[in-house]
Amino acid sequence: MTKEELDLIEKAGLLVVGWFLGLLTTAAQKRRRVSTLKKALEAEIADAKRWLLLTKLHLEQMLQLCAVGEIASQGPVKIPVPIFATNFAEATLKLNEGERGSFNAIYTRIGLVNEHHDKLMELNRIVADDVTRMGELAGELELYYTNVWTAIHLIEFHLRNGKNLNKVFNSDPELGLEYYQRIQKQIGDRLMGLANEARDLGPDKLRQRHASGGTALTHE
């Protein structure tokens, strides 16, 4: 074998080694990126919980004003989820079944919450000109409030069980029918309490309290 042939074989071997190392580097970078995205999603849902708690307070104020035939001049904002919107498909490649199920449940519920926001803002404008649709506004507020409450619960469950989601997501009683029914009762009781307090206070005192930053009842 000539020196030229040996040199060609050596160069070919180096190319193969370089290609293989490149694959390993790319794979390692992809694993690190997916791991970073997972942490970013967890941080995003923790931030979303804070937005949802603020939304819950706004909705309680709006529900109370609606109960006495009044319309709020301000409302909640949409829940921002930019990481989910742009990177979730990539992140799911390395999530286990429980993590995927939990994240999907959370972000689906947040999507519903944001849809309610658009409906509510439009309906609020309509009712300002047509008070006969106040009952429709009240119904939309209650649905909005229920989905916000549920989203908060799903996030708390995820953050509390982060390392065990694959084990508990499909089996934990906390996500079962009995618990769901109990949550619905708590929401119903809360809505009733808000309406009763609103009627006791009347529109003037409600507006004074909301203008001063006061909240409805005791925040739960």
N, C-alpha and C. Protein backbone atom coordinates (compact mmCIF):
# COMPACT_ATOMS: atom_id res chain seq x y z
N MET A 1 0.86 -1.20 0.00
CA MET A 1 0.00 0.00 0.00
C MET A 1 0.89 1.24 0.00
N THR A 2 0.60 2.16 -0.87
CA THR A 2 1.45 3.34 -1.01
C THR A 2 1.18 4.34 0.11
N LYS A 3 2.11 5.28 0.24
CA LYS A 3 1.97 6.33 1.25
C LYS A 3 0.72 7.17 0.98
N GLU A 4 0.45 7.43 -0.31
CA GLU A 4 -0.73 8.22 -0.65
C GLU A 4 -2.02 7.51 -0.22
N GLU A 5 -2.04 6.20 -0.42
CA GLU A 5 -3.22 5.43 -0.02
C GLU A 5 -3.39 5.42 1.48
N LEU A 6 -2.26 5.30 2.20
CA LEU A 6 -2.32 5.34 3.66
C LEU A 6 -2.83 6.69 4.15
N ASP A 7 -2.36 7.75 3.49
CA ASP A 7 -2.81 9.10 3.88
C ASP A 7 -4.31 9.26 3.65
N LEU A 8 -4.82 8.70 2.53
CA LEU A 8 -6.26 8.78 2.24
C LEU A 8 -7.07 8.03 3.28
N ILE A 9 -6.58 6.84 3.68
CA ILE A 9 -7.27 6.04 4.69
C ILE A 9 -7.29 6.78 6.02
N GLU A 10 -6.16 7.40 6.36
CA GLU A 10 -6.07 8.15 7.62
C GLU A 10 -7.05 9.33 7.63
N LYS A 11 -7.10 10.04 6.50
CA LYS A 11 -8.01 11.19 6.41
C LYS A 11 -9.47 10.73 6.49
N ALA A 12 -9.76 9.59 5.80
CA ALA A 12 -11.12 9.07 5.86
C ALA A 12 -11.49 8.67 7.28
N GLY A 13 -10.53 8.06 7.98
CA GLY A 13 -10.77 7.68 9.38
C GLY A 13 -11.02 8.89 10.25
N LEU A 14 -10.26 9.95 10.03
CA LEU A 14 -10.45 11.17 10.81
C LEU A 14 -11.81 11.80 10.54
N LEU A 15 -12.24 11.72 9.26
CA LEU A 15 -13.56 12.26 8.91
C LEU A 15 -14.67 11.50 9.61
N VAL A 16 -14.54 10.15 9.65
CA VAL A 16 -15.53 9.32 10.32
C VAL A 16 -15.58 9.63 11.80
N VAL A 17 -14.37 9.73 12.42
CA VAL A 17 -14.30 10.05 13.85
C VAL A 17 -14.91 11.42 14.12
N GLY A 18 -14.59 12.40 13.24
CA GLY A 18 -15.14 13.74 13.42
C GLY A 18 -16.66 13.76 13.29
N TRP A 19 -17.15 12.99 12.30
CA TRP A 19 -18.61 12.90 12.11
C TRP A 19 -19.28 12.29 13.33
N PHE A 20 -18.67 11.21 13.87
CA PHE A 20 -19.23 10.52 15.03
C PHE A 20 -19.23 11.44 16.26
N LEU A 21 -18.10 12.13 16.46
CA LEU A 21 -18.03 13.07 17.60
C LEU A 21 -19.04 14.20 17.44
N GLY A 22 -19.25 14.60 16.19
CA GLY A 22 -20.25 15.64 15.95
C GLY A 22 -21.64 15.18 16.32
N LEU A 23 -21.96 13.90 16.00
CA LEU A 23 -23.25 13.35 16.39
C LEU A 23 -23.41 13.33 17.90
N LEU A 24 -22.33 12.90 18.61
CA LEU A 24 -22.39 12.85 20.07
C LEU A 24 -22.60 14.24 20.65
N THR A 25 -21.88 15.21 20.08
CA THR A 25 -22.00 16.60 20.57
C THR A 25 -23.42 17.12 20.34
N THR A 26 -23.96 16.86 19.14
CA THR A 26 -25.32 17.32 18.83
C THR A 26 -26.34 16.68 19.76
N ALA A 27 -26.18 15.37 20.01
CA ALA A 27 -27.11 14.67 20.90
C ALA A 27 -27.04 15.23 22.31
N ALA A 28 -25.81 15.50 22.79
CA ALA A 28 -25.65 16.05 24.14
C ALA A 28 -26.26 17.44 24.23
N GLN A 29 -26.05 18.25 23.19
CA GLN A 29 -26.62 19.60 23.18
C GLN A 29 -28.15 19.54 23.18
N LYS A 30 -28.70 18.57 22.42
CA LYS A 30 -30.15 18.43 22.36
C LYS A 30 -30.71 18.01 23.71
N ARG A 31 -30.02 17.08 24.41
CA ARG A 31 -30.47 16.66 25.74
C ARG A 31 -30.45 17.83 26.71
N ARG A 32 -29.38 18.63 26.65
CA ARG A 32 -29.29 19.79 27.54
C ARG A 32 -30.39 20.80 27.23
N ARG A 33 -30.67 21.00 25.94
CA ARG A 33 -31.71 21.95 25.56
C ARG A 33 -33.08 21.48 26.05
N VAL A 34 -33.37 20.19 25.87
CA VAL A 34 -34.66 19.67 26.30
C VAL A 34 -34.79 19.77 27.82
N SER A 35 -33.69 19.47 28.53
CA SER A 35 -33.70 19.60 29.99
C SER A 35 -33.95 21.05 30.40
N THR A 36 -33.33 21.98 29.68
CA THR A 36 -33.54 23.40 29.96
C THR A 36 -34.97 23.81 29.68
N LEU A 37 -35.55 23.30 28.59
CA LEU A 37 -36.94 23.62 28.25
C LEU A 37 -37.90 23.10 29.31
N LYS A 38 -37.62 21.91 29.84
CA LYS A 38 -38.48 21.35 30.88
C LYS A 38 -38.47 22.26 32.11
N LYS A 39 -37.27 22.71 32.50
CA LYS A 39 -37.18 23.62 33.65
C LYS A 39 -37.89 24.93 33.34
N ALA A 40 -37.77 25.38 32.09
CA ALA A 40 -38.43 26.64 31.71
C ALA A 40 -39.95 26.49 31.78
N LEU A 41 -40.48 25.33 31.36
CA LEU A 41 -41.92 25.09 31.44
C LEU A 41 -42.39 25.08 32.90
N GLU A 42 -41.59 24.47 33.77
CA GLU A 42 -41.95 24.44 35.19
C GLU A 42 -41.95 25.84 35.78
N ALA A 43 -40.98 26.66 35.37
CA ALA A 43 -40.95 28.05 35.84
C ALA A 43 -42.14 28.82 35.28
N GLU A 44 -42.51 28.51 34.03
CA GLU A 44 -43.64 29.23 33.40
C GLU A 44 -44.95 28.91 34.10
N ILE A 45 -45.18 27.65 34.46
CA ILE A 45 -46.46 27.34 35.14
C ILE A 45 -46.48 27.91 36.55
N ALA A 46 -45.29 28.02 37.20
CA ALA A 46 -45.25 28.67 38.52
C ALA A 46 -45.62 30.15 38.38
N ASP A 47 -45.11 30.80 37.33
CA ASP A 47 -45.49 32.20 37.07
C ASP A 47 -46.97 32.29 36.72
N ALA A 48 -47.45 31.31 35.93
CA ALA A 48 -48.86 31.31 35.53
C ALA A 48 -49.77 31.22 36.75
N LYS A 49 -49.33 30.47 37.76
CA LYS A 49 -50.15 30.37 38.97
C LYS A 49 -50.35 31.74 39.60
N ARG A 50 -49.29 32.55 39.63
CA ARG A 50 -49.42 33.90 40.22
C ARG A 50 -50.38 34.76 39.39
N TRP A 51 -50.30 34.65 38.06
CA TRP A 51 -51.24 35.38 37.20
C TRP A 51 -52.67 34.90 37.44
N LEU A 52 -52.83 33.60 37.60
CA LEU A 52 -54.17 33.02 37.82
C LEU A 52 -54.76 33.46 39.15
N LEU A 53 -53.93 33.56 40.17
CA LEU A 53 -54.43 34.03 41.47
C LEU A 53 -54.92 35.48 41.37
N LEU A 54 -54.18 36.30 40.62
CA LEU A 54 -54.63 37.68 40.40
C LEU A 54 -55.94 37.71 39.60
N THR A 55 -56.00 36.84 38.59
CA THR A 55 -57.23 36.75 37.79
C THR A 55 -58.41 36.33 38.65
N LYS A 56 -58.17 35.40 39.55
CA LYS A 56 -59.23 34.94 40.46
C LYS A 56 -59.78 36.11 41.28
N LEU A 57 -58.90 36.95 41.78
CA LEU A 57 -59.34 38.12 42.56
C LEU A 57 -60.14 39.09 41.69
N HIS A 58 -59.66 39.36 40.47
CA HIS A 58 -60.40 40.23 39.55
C HIS A 58 -61.80 39.69 39.28
N LEU A 59 -61.87 38.39 39.04
CA LEU A 59 -63.16 37.78 38.72
C LEU A 59 -64.11 37.82 39.92
N GLU A 60 -63.58 37.67 41.11
CA GLU A 60 -64.43 37.77 42.30
C GLU A 60 -65.04 39.16 42.42
N GLN A 61 -64.25 40.17 42.11
CA GLN A 61 -64.78 41.53 42.13
C GLN A 61 -65.86 41.71 41.06
N MET A 62 -65.58 41.19 39.86
CA MET A 62 -66.56 41.31 38.77
C MET A 62 -67.83 40.53 39.08
N LEU A 63 -67.69 39.35 39.66
CA LEU A 63 -68.85 38.54 40.04
C LEU A 63 -69.73 39.27 41.06
N GLN A 64 -69.08 39.92 42.02
CA GLN A 64 -69.85 40.62 43.04
C GLN A 64 -70.58 41.83 42.46
N LEU A 65 -69.92 42.57 41.59
CA LEU A 65 -70.60 43.70 40.95
C LEU A 65 -71.76 43.21 40.09
N CYS A 66 -71.54 42.12 39.38
CA CYS A 66 -72.60 41.55 38.53
C CYS A 66 -73.80 41.12 39.38
N ALA A 67 -73.53 40.63 40.59
CA ALA A 67 -74.61 40.16 41.47
C ALA A 67 -75.54 41.29 41.89
N VAL A 68 -75.04 42.54 41.85
CA VAL A 68 -75.88 43.67 42.22
C VAL A 68 -76.22 44.53 40.99
N GLY A 69 -76.07 43.92 39.80
CA GLY A 69 -76.48 44.60 38.57
C GLY A 69 -75.52 45.64 38.07
N GLU A 70 -74.26 45.55 38.48
CA GLU A 70 -73.24 46.51 38.05
C GLU A 70 -72.22 45.83 37.14
N ILE A 71 -71.50 46.64 36.36
CA ILE A 71 -70.47 46.12 35.45
C ILE A 71 -69.13 46.71 35.85
N ALA A 72 -68.11 45.87 35.92
CA ALA A 72 -66.77 46.32 36.29
C ALA A 72 -66.15 47.13 35.16
N SER A 73 -65.39 48.14 35.52
CA SER A 73 -64.72 48.97 34.51
C SER A 73 -63.37 48.37 34.10
N GLN A 74 -62.87 47.46 34.91
CA GLN A 74 -61.61 46.79 34.61
C GLN A 74 -61.76 45.29 34.79
N GLY A 75 -60.92 44.53 34.10
CA GLY A 75 -60.98 43.09 34.22
C GLY A 75 -59.60 42.47 34.23
N PRO A 76 -59.53 41.15 34.21
CA PRO A 76 -58.24 40.46 34.23
C PRO A 76 -57.53 40.54 32.89
N VAL A 77 -56.31 40.03 32.85
CA VAL A 77 -55.55 39.96 31.60
C VAL A 77 -55.36 38.49 31.24
N LYS A 78 -54.93 38.24 30.01
CA LYS A 78 -54.66 36.88 29.60
C LYS A 78 -53.42 36.34 30.34
N ILE A 79 -53.36 35.02 30.47
CA ILE A 79 -52.23 34.38 31.13
C ILE A 79 -51.14 34.16 30.08
N PRO A 80 -49.96 34.77 30.22
CA PRO A 80 -48.91 34.61 29.21
C PRO A 80 -48.19 33.26 29.34
N VAL A 81 -48.09 32.54 28.23
CA VAL A 81 -47.39 31.24 28.22
C VAL A 81 -46.53 31.13 26.96
N PRO A 82 -45.54 32.02 26.78
CA PRO A 82 -44.76 32.03 25.54
C PRO A 82 -43.89 30.80 25.34
N ILE A 83 -43.39 30.22 26.41
CA ILE A 83 -42.52 29.04 26.27
C ILE A 83 -43.32 27.86 25.75
N PHE A 84 -44.49 27.65 26.30
CA PHE A 84 -45.37 26.58 25.81
C PHE A 84 -45.71 26.80 24.34
N ALA A 85 -46.03 28.04 23.99
CA ALA A 85 -46.49 28.34 22.64
C ALA A 85 -45.43 28.03 21.59
N THR A 86 -44.15 28.17 21.94
CA THR A 86 -43.10 28.04 20.93
C THR A 86 -42.23 26.80 21.08
N ASN A 87 -42.22 26.16 22.27
CA ASN A 87 -41.24 25.10 22.49
C ASN A 87 -41.80 23.79 23.04
N PHE A 88 -43.11 23.72 23.28
CA PHE A 88 -43.62 22.53 23.98
C PHE A 88 -43.43 21.25 23.16
N ALA A 89 -43.63 21.33 21.85
CA ALA A 89 -43.49 20.13 21.01
C ALA A 89 -42.10 19.53 21.14
N GLU A 90 -41.09 20.38 21.19
CA GLU A 90 -39.72 19.88 21.33
C GLU A 90 -39.49 19.30 22.72
N ALA A 91 -40.02 19.95 23.74
CA ALA A 91 -39.81 19.50 25.11
C ALA A 91 -40.45 18.14 25.37
N THR A 92 -41.55 17.84 24.70
CA THR A 92 -42.26 16.58 24.96
C THR A 92 -41.45 15.36 24.58
N LEU A 93 -40.40 15.54 23.77
CA LEU A 93 -39.59 14.40 23.33
C LEU A 93 -38.95 13.67 24.51
N LYS A 94 -38.67 14.39 25.59
CA LYS A 94 -37.99 13.78 26.73
C LYS A 94 -38.84 13.77 27.99
N LEU A 95 -40.11 14.12 27.88
CA LEU A 95 -41.00 14.06 29.04
C LEU A 95 -41.58 12.66 29.17
N ASN A 96 -41.73 12.19 30.41
CA ASN A 96 -42.39 10.90 30.57
C ASN A 96 -43.91 11.07 30.46
N GLU A 97 -44.63 9.97 30.49
CA GLU A 97 -46.07 10.01 30.26
C GLU A 97 -46.79 10.90 31.28
N GLY A 98 -46.41 10.78 32.56
CA GLY A 98 -47.04 11.59 33.59
C GLY A 98 -46.78 13.07 33.41
N GLU A 99 -45.53 13.42 33.05
CA GLU A 99 -45.18 14.83 32.83
C GLU A 99 -45.94 15.39 31.64
N ARG A 100 -45.99 14.62 30.54
CA ARG A 100 -46.73 15.10 29.37
C ARG A 100 -48.22 15.29 29.69
N GLY A 101 -48.80 14.32 30.40
CA GLY A 101 -50.21 14.42 30.75
C GLY A 101 -50.49 15.62 31.62
N SER A 102 -49.62 15.85 32.60
CA SER A 102 -49.83 16.96 33.53
C SER A 102 -49.67 18.31 32.83
N PHE A 103 -48.58 18.46 32.05
CA PHE A 103 -48.38 19.71 31.32
C PHE A 103 -49.54 19.96 30.35
N ASN A 104 -49.96 18.92 29.64
CA ASN A 104 -51.07 19.08 28.70
C ASN A 104 -52.35 19.52 29.41
N ALA A 105 -52.64 18.92 30.58
CA ALA A 105 -53.84 19.29 31.34
C ALA A 105 -53.77 20.76 31.76
N ILE A 106 -52.59 21.17 32.22
CA ILE A 106 -52.42 22.56 32.68
C ILE A 106 -52.59 23.54 31.53
N TYR A 107 -51.87 23.31 30.45
CA TYR A 107 -51.89 24.28 29.35
C TYR A 107 -53.22 24.26 28.60
N THR A 108 -53.89 23.12 28.56
CA THR A 108 -55.24 23.09 27.97
C THR A 108 -56.18 23.95 28.79
N ARG A 109 -56.06 23.85 30.12
CA ARG A 109 -56.94 24.65 30.99
C ARG A 109 -56.60 26.14 30.87
N ILE A 110 -55.32 26.47 30.79
CA ILE A 110 -54.94 27.87 30.61
C ILE A 110 -55.47 28.39 29.27
N GLY A 111 -55.45 27.53 28.24
CA GLY A 111 -56.02 27.92 26.96
C GLY A 111 -57.50 28.26 27.09
N LEU A 112 -58.23 27.46 27.86
CA LEU A 112 -59.65 27.75 28.11
C LEU A 112 -59.81 29.07 28.86
N VAL A 113 -58.95 29.29 29.85
CA VAL A 113 -59.00 30.54 30.61
C VAL A 113 -58.81 31.74 29.68
N ASN A 114 -57.86 31.66 28.77
CA ASN A 114 -57.61 32.77 27.86
C ASN A 114 -58.75 32.95 26.85
N GLU A 115 -59.39 31.85 26.47
CA GLU A 115 -60.59 31.97 25.61
C GLU A 115 -61.71 32.69 26.36
N HIS A 116 -61.87 32.37 27.64
CA HIS A 116 -62.89 33.05 28.45
C HIS A 116 -62.61 34.54 28.53
N HIS A 117 -61.33 34.91 28.59
CA HIS A 117 -60.97 36.32 28.68
C HIS A 117 -61.54 37.08 27.48
N ASP A 118 -61.33 36.54 26.29
CA ASP A 118 -61.81 37.21 25.08
C ASP A 118 -63.34 37.31 25.08
N LYS A 119 -64.01 36.22 25.47
CA LYS A 119 -65.47 36.21 25.51
C LYS A 119 -65.99 37.21 26.54
N LEU A 120 -65.33 37.25 27.69
CA LEU A 120 -65.78 38.13 28.77
C LEU A 120 -65.64 39.60 28.38
N MET A 121 -64.51 39.97 27.80
CA MET A 121 -64.31 41.37 27.43
C MET A 121 -65.34 41.82 26.40
N GLU A 122 -65.65 40.93 25.45
CA GLU A 122 -66.66 41.26 24.44
C GLU A 122 -68.05 41.37 25.08
N LEU A 123 -68.36 40.41 25.95
CA LEU A 123 -69.68 40.41 26.59
C LEU A 123 -69.84 41.60 27.54
N ASN A 124 -68.77 41.99 28.18
CA ASN A 124 -68.82 43.14 29.09
C ASN A 124 -69.21 44.40 28.32
N ARG A 125 -68.65 44.53 27.11
CA ARG A 125 -69.00 45.70 26.27
C ARG A 125 -70.45 45.64 25.82
N ILE A 126 -70.91 44.44 25.50
CA ILE A 126 -72.30 44.28 25.05
C ILE A 126 -73.28 44.63 26.16
N VAL A 127 -73.01 44.12 27.37
CA VAL A 127 -73.92 44.34 28.50
C VAL A 127 -73.95 45.80 28.91
N ALA A 128 -72.86 46.52 28.67
CA ALA A 128 -72.85 47.96 28.98
C ALA A 128 -73.93 48.70 28.21
N ASP A 129 -74.31 48.15 27.03
CA ASP A 129 -75.35 48.76 26.21
C ASP A 129 -76.69 48.02 26.29
N ASP A 130 -76.65 46.79 26.84
CA ASP A 130 -77.86 45.99 26.88
C ASP A 130 -77.89 45.18 28.18
N VAL A 131 -78.44 45.77 29.23
CA VAL A 131 -78.41 45.14 30.55
C VAL A 131 -79.27 43.88 30.62
N THR A 132 -80.11 43.65 29.61
CA THR A 132 -80.93 42.43 29.62
C THR A 132 -80.07 41.17 29.48
N ARG A 133 -78.81 41.35 29.10
CA ARG A 133 -77.91 40.21 28.95
C ARG A 133 -76.99 40.03 30.15
N MET A 134 -77.36 40.64 31.27
CA MET A 134 -76.56 40.54 32.49
C MET A 134 -76.44 39.08 32.95
N GLY A 135 -77.51 38.31 32.79
CA GLY A 135 -77.47 36.90 33.19
C GLY A 135 -76.44 36.13 32.37
N GLU A 136 -76.31 36.47 31.10
CA GLU A 136 -75.31 35.83 30.24
C GLU A 136 -73.90 36.17 30.71
N LEU A 137 -73.71 37.41 31.13
CA LEU A 137 -72.43 37.83 31.67
C LEU A 137 -72.10 37.06 32.94
N ALA A 138 -73.09 36.91 33.82
CA ALA A 138 -72.88 36.18 35.07
C ALA A 138 -72.47 34.73 34.79
N GLY A 139 -73.12 34.11 33.82
CA GLY A 139 -72.79 32.73 33.47
C GLY A 139 -71.37 32.60 32.95
N GLU A 140 -70.95 33.54 32.11
CA GLU A 140 -69.58 33.51 31.58
C GLU A 140 -68.55 33.73 32.68
N LEU A 141 -68.85 34.63 33.60
CA LEU A 141 -67.96 34.87 34.73
C LEU A 141 -67.78 33.60 35.58
N GLU A 142 -68.87 32.90 35.80
CA GLU A 142 -68.79 31.67 36.61
C GLU A 142 -67.96 30.59 35.92
N LEU A 143 -68.12 30.44 34.62
CA LEU A 143 -67.32 29.46 33.87
C LEU A 143 -65.84 29.84 33.89
N TYR A 144 -65.58 31.10 33.67
CA TYR A 144 -64.21 31.64 33.70
C TYR A 144 -63.58 31.34 35.06
N TYR A 145 -64.31 31.67 36.11
CA TYR A 145 -63.83 31.49 37.48
C TYR A 145 -63.54 30.02 37.77
N THR A 146 -64.43 29.14 37.32
CA THR A 146 -64.25 27.70 37.55
C THR A 146 -62.99 27.18 36.88
N ASN A 147 -62.73 27.62 35.66
CA ASN A 147 -61.53 27.16 34.95
C ASN A 147 -60.26 27.74 35.55
N VAL A 148 -60.32 28.96 36.05
CA VAL A 148 -59.16 29.54 36.75
C VAL A 148 -58.85 28.73 38.00
N TRP A 149 -59.86 28.45 38.79
CA TRP A 149 -59.69 27.67 40.02
C TRP A 149 -59.08 26.31 39.69
N THR A 150 -59.61 25.65 38.66
CA THR A 150 -59.12 24.32 38.27
C THR A 150 -57.68 24.38 37.78
N ALA A 151 -57.34 25.40 37.01
CA ALA A 151 -55.96 25.54 36.52
C ALA A 151 -54.99 25.71 37.68
N ILE A 152 -55.36 26.48 38.68
CA ILE A 152 -54.51 26.67 39.86
C ILE A 152 -54.26 25.32 40.55
N HIS A 153 -55.33 24.54 40.69
CA HIS A 153 -55.21 23.23 41.34
C HIS A 153 -54.27 22.32 40.55
N LEU A 154 -54.40 22.28 39.22
CA LEU A 154 -53.56 21.43 38.39
C LEU A 154 -52.09 21.82 38.49
N ILE A 155 -51.81 23.12 38.54
CA ILE A 155 -50.44 23.59 38.67
C ILE A 155 -49.87 23.20 40.03
N GLU A 156 -50.65 23.40 41.07
CA GLU A 156 -50.18 23.04 42.42
C GLU A 156 -49.88 21.55 42.50
N PHE A 157 -50.72 20.72 41.88
CA PHE A 157 -50.50 19.27 41.88
C PHE A 157 -49.20 18.94 41.16
N HIS A 158 -48.96 19.57 40.02
CA HIS A 158 -47.74 19.32 39.24
C HIS A 158 -46.50 19.71 40.03
N LEU A 159 -46.50 20.89 40.59
CA LEU A 159 -45.31 21.38 41.31
C LEU A 159 -45.06 20.56 42.58
N ARG A 160 -46.11 20.09 43.20
CA ARG A 160 -45.98 19.30 44.43
C ARG A 160 -45.48 17.88 44.14
N ASN A 161 -45.78 17.36 42.97
CA ASN A 161 -45.46 15.97 42.64
C ASN A 161 -44.48 15.85 41.48
N GLY A 162 -43.70 16.89 41.24
CA GLY A 162 -42.83 16.94 40.07
C GLY A 162 -42.00 15.70 39.82
N LYS A 163 -41.40 15.14 40.86
CA LYS A 163 -40.51 13.99 40.69
C LYS A 163 -41.26 12.67 40.59
N ASN A 164 -42.54 12.68 40.90
CA ASN A 164 -43.32 11.44 40.91
C ASN A 164 -44.51 11.46 39.96
N LEU A 165 -44.51 12.40 39.00
CA LEU A 165 -45.68 12.56 38.14
C LEU A 165 -46.00 11.31 37.35
N ASN A 166 -44.97 10.60 36.90
CA ASN A 166 -45.22 9.41 36.11
C ASN A 166 -45.92 8.33 36.92
N LYS A 167 -45.73 8.38 38.24
CA LYS A 167 -46.33 7.39 39.12
C LYS A 167 -47.75 7.78 39.54
N VAL A 168 -47.96 9.08 39.77
CA VAL A 168 -49.21 9.50 40.41
C VAL A 168 -50.23 10.14 39.48
N PHE A 169 -49.80 10.60 38.28
CA PHE A 169 -50.72 11.42 37.47
C PHE A 169 -52.00 10.68 37.11
N ASN A 170 -51.90 9.40 36.76
CA ASN A 170 -53.08 8.65 36.34
C ASN A 170 -53.75 7.85 37.45
N SER A 171 -53.22 7.99 38.68
CA SER A 171 -53.76 7.16 39.76
C SER A 171 -54.10 7.91 41.03
N ASP A 172 -53.59 9.14 41.19
CA ASP A 172 -53.80 9.86 42.43
C ASP A 172 -55.26 10.27 42.58
N PRO A 173 -55.86 9.99 43.74
CA PRO A 173 -57.27 10.37 43.98
C PRO A 173 -57.51 11.86 43.84
N GLU A 174 -56.45 12.65 44.00
CA GLU A 174 -56.59 14.10 43.93
C GLU A 174 -57.02 14.56 42.54
N LEU A 175 -56.82 13.72 41.52
CA LEU A 175 -57.26 14.06 40.18
C LEU A 175 -58.46 13.22 39.74
N GLY A 176 -59.05 12.51 40.69
CA GLY A 176 -60.16 11.62 40.37
C GLY A 176 -61.51 12.31 40.44
N LEU A 177 -62.55 11.55 40.10
CA LEU A 177 -63.91 12.08 40.03
C LEU A 177 -64.38 12.61 41.37
N GLU A 178 -64.11 11.87 42.45
CA GLU A 178 -64.59 12.30 43.77
C GLU A 178 -63.98 13.64 44.16
N TYR A 179 -62.69 13.79 43.90
CA TYR A 179 -62.04 15.06 44.23
C TYR A 179 -62.60 16.18 43.34
N TYR A 180 -62.80 15.87 42.06
CA TYR A 180 -63.34 16.87 41.14
C TYR A 180 -64.71 17.36 41.62
N GLN A 181 -65.54 16.43 42.07
CA GLN A 181 -66.86 16.81 42.56
C GLN A 181 -66.76 17.67 43.82
N ARG A 182 -65.77 17.36 44.67
CA ARG A 182 -65.58 18.16 45.87
C ARG A 182 -65.11 19.57 45.52
N ILE A 183 -64.22 19.67 44.52
CA ILE A 183 -63.75 20.98 44.06
C ILE A 183 -64.92 21.79 43.51
N GLN A 184 -65.78 21.13 42.73
CA GLN A 184 -66.93 21.83 42.17
C GLN A 184 -67.85 22.37 43.26
N LYS A 185 -68.00 21.60 44.33
CA LYS A 185 -68.82 22.06 45.46
C LYS A 185 -68.18 23.27 46.13
N GLN A 186 -66.85 23.22 46.30
CA GLN A 186 -66.15 24.35 46.92
C GLN A 186 -66.33 25.61 46.07
N ILE A 187 -66.23 25.44 44.76
CA ILE A 187 -66.42 26.60 43.86
C ILE A 187 -67.85 27.12 43.98
N GLY A 188 -68.81 26.21 43.99
CA GLY A 188 -70.20 26.62 44.12
C GLY A 188 -70.46 27.36 45.42
N ASP A 189 -69.89 26.85 46.52
CA ASP A 189 -70.06 27.51 47.82
C ASP A 189 -69.42 28.90 47.80
N ARG A 190 -68.26 28.99 47.17
CA ARG A 190 -67.56 30.27 47.09
C ARG A 190 -68.38 31.28 46.29
N LEU A 191 -68.92 30.85 45.17
CA LEU A 191 -69.73 31.74 44.34
C LEU A 191 -70.97 32.22 45.10
N MET A 192 -71.58 31.33 45.85
CA MET A 192 -72.74 31.70 46.64
C MET A 192 -72.36 32.72 47.71
N GLY A 193 -71.22 32.50 48.37
CA GLY A 193 -70.76 33.44 49.39
C GLY A 193 -70.46 34.81 48.82
N LEU A 194 -69.85 34.84 47.64
CA LEU A 194 -69.56 36.12 46.99
C LEU A 194 -70.84 36.88 46.67
N ALA A 195 -71.83 36.17 46.14
CA ALA A 195 -73.10 36.81 45.78
C ALA A 195 -73.83 37.33 47.01
N ASN A 196 -73.86 36.54 48.08
CA ASN A 196 -74.55 36.96 49.31
C ASN A 196 -73.89 38.19 49.91
N GLU A 197 -72.55 38.18 49.95
CA GLU A 197 -71.86 39.35 50.52
C GLU A 197 -72.10 40.58 49.66
N ALA A 198 -72.11 40.41 48.33
CA ALA A 198 -72.33 41.54 47.44
C ALA A 198 -73.69 42.17 47.69
N ARG A 199 -74.69 41.35 47.86
CA ARG A 199 -76.04 41.88 48.10
C ARG A 199 -76.14 42.56 49.45
N ASP A 200 -75.41 42.04 50.44
CA ASP A 200 -75.41 42.67 51.76
C ASP A 200 -74.74 44.04 51.73
N LEU A 201 -73.66 44.16 50.97
CA LEU A 201 -72.92 45.42 50.91
C LEU A 201 -73.59 46.45 50.01
N GLY A 202 -74.09 45.98 48.88
CA GLY A 202 -74.67 46.90 47.91
C GLY A 202 -73.61 47.46 46.98
N PRO A 203 -74.02 48.03 45.84
CA PRO A 203 -73.07 48.48 44.81
C PRO A 203 -72.12 49.58 45.26
N ASP A 204 -72.60 50.55 46.05
CA ASP A 204 -71.74 51.67 46.44
C ASP A 204 -70.57 51.20 47.30
N LYS A 205 -70.85 50.40 48.33
CA LYS A 205 -69.78 49.91 49.20
C LYS A 205 -68.84 48.97 48.46
N LEU A 206 -69.38 48.19 47.54
CA LEU A 206 -68.53 47.31 46.75
C LEU A 206 -67.54 48.11 45.92
N ARG A 207 -68.02 49.14 45.25
CA ARG A 207 -67.13 49.95 44.42
C ARG A 207 -66.09 50.67 45.27
N GLN A 208 -66.48 51.14 46.43
CA GLN A 208 -65.52 51.79 47.33
C GLN A 208 -64.41 50.83 47.74
N ARG A 209 -64.82 49.61 48.08
CA ARG A 209 -63.82 48.63 48.51
C ARG A 209 -62.88 48.24 47.38
N HIS A 210 -63.44 48.02 46.20
CA HIS A 210 -62.62 47.63 45.07
C HIS A 210 -61.69 48.77 44.65
N ALA A 211 -62.18 50.00 44.73
CA ALA A 211 -61.35 51.15 44.38
C ALA A 211 -60.18 51.32 45.34
N SER A 212 -60.37 50.90 46.59
CA SER A 212 -59.30 51.03 47.58
C SER A 212 -58.37 49.82 47.61
N GLY A 213 -58.64 48.86 46.71
CA GLY A 213 -57.77 47.68 46.65
C GLY A 213 -58.24 46.54 47.52
N GLY A 214 -59.42 46.65 48.11
CA GLY A 214 -59.93 45.56 48.95
C GLY A 214 -60.36 44.38 48.12
N THR A 215 -60.38 43.21 48.73
CA THR A 215 -60.77 41.99 48.01
C THR A 215 -62.05 41.42 48.57
N ALA A 216 -62.65 40.55 47.80
CA ALA A 216 -63.90 39.93 48.19
C ALA A 216 -63.67 38.85 49.24
N LEU A 217 -64.41 38.93 50.32
CA LEU A 217 -64.32 37.94 51.39
C LEU A 217 -62.87 37.69 51.80
N THR A 218 -62.57 36.47 52.18
CA THR A 218 -61.19 36.09 52.48
C THR A 218 -60.65 35.28 51.33
N HIS A 219 -59.51 35.65 50.81
CA HIS A 219 -58.96 34.94 49.66
C HIS A 219 -58.60 33.53 50.02
N GLU A 220 -59.03 32.57 49.20
CA GLU A 220 -58.77 31.17 49.44
C GLU A 220 -57.76 30.65 48.43
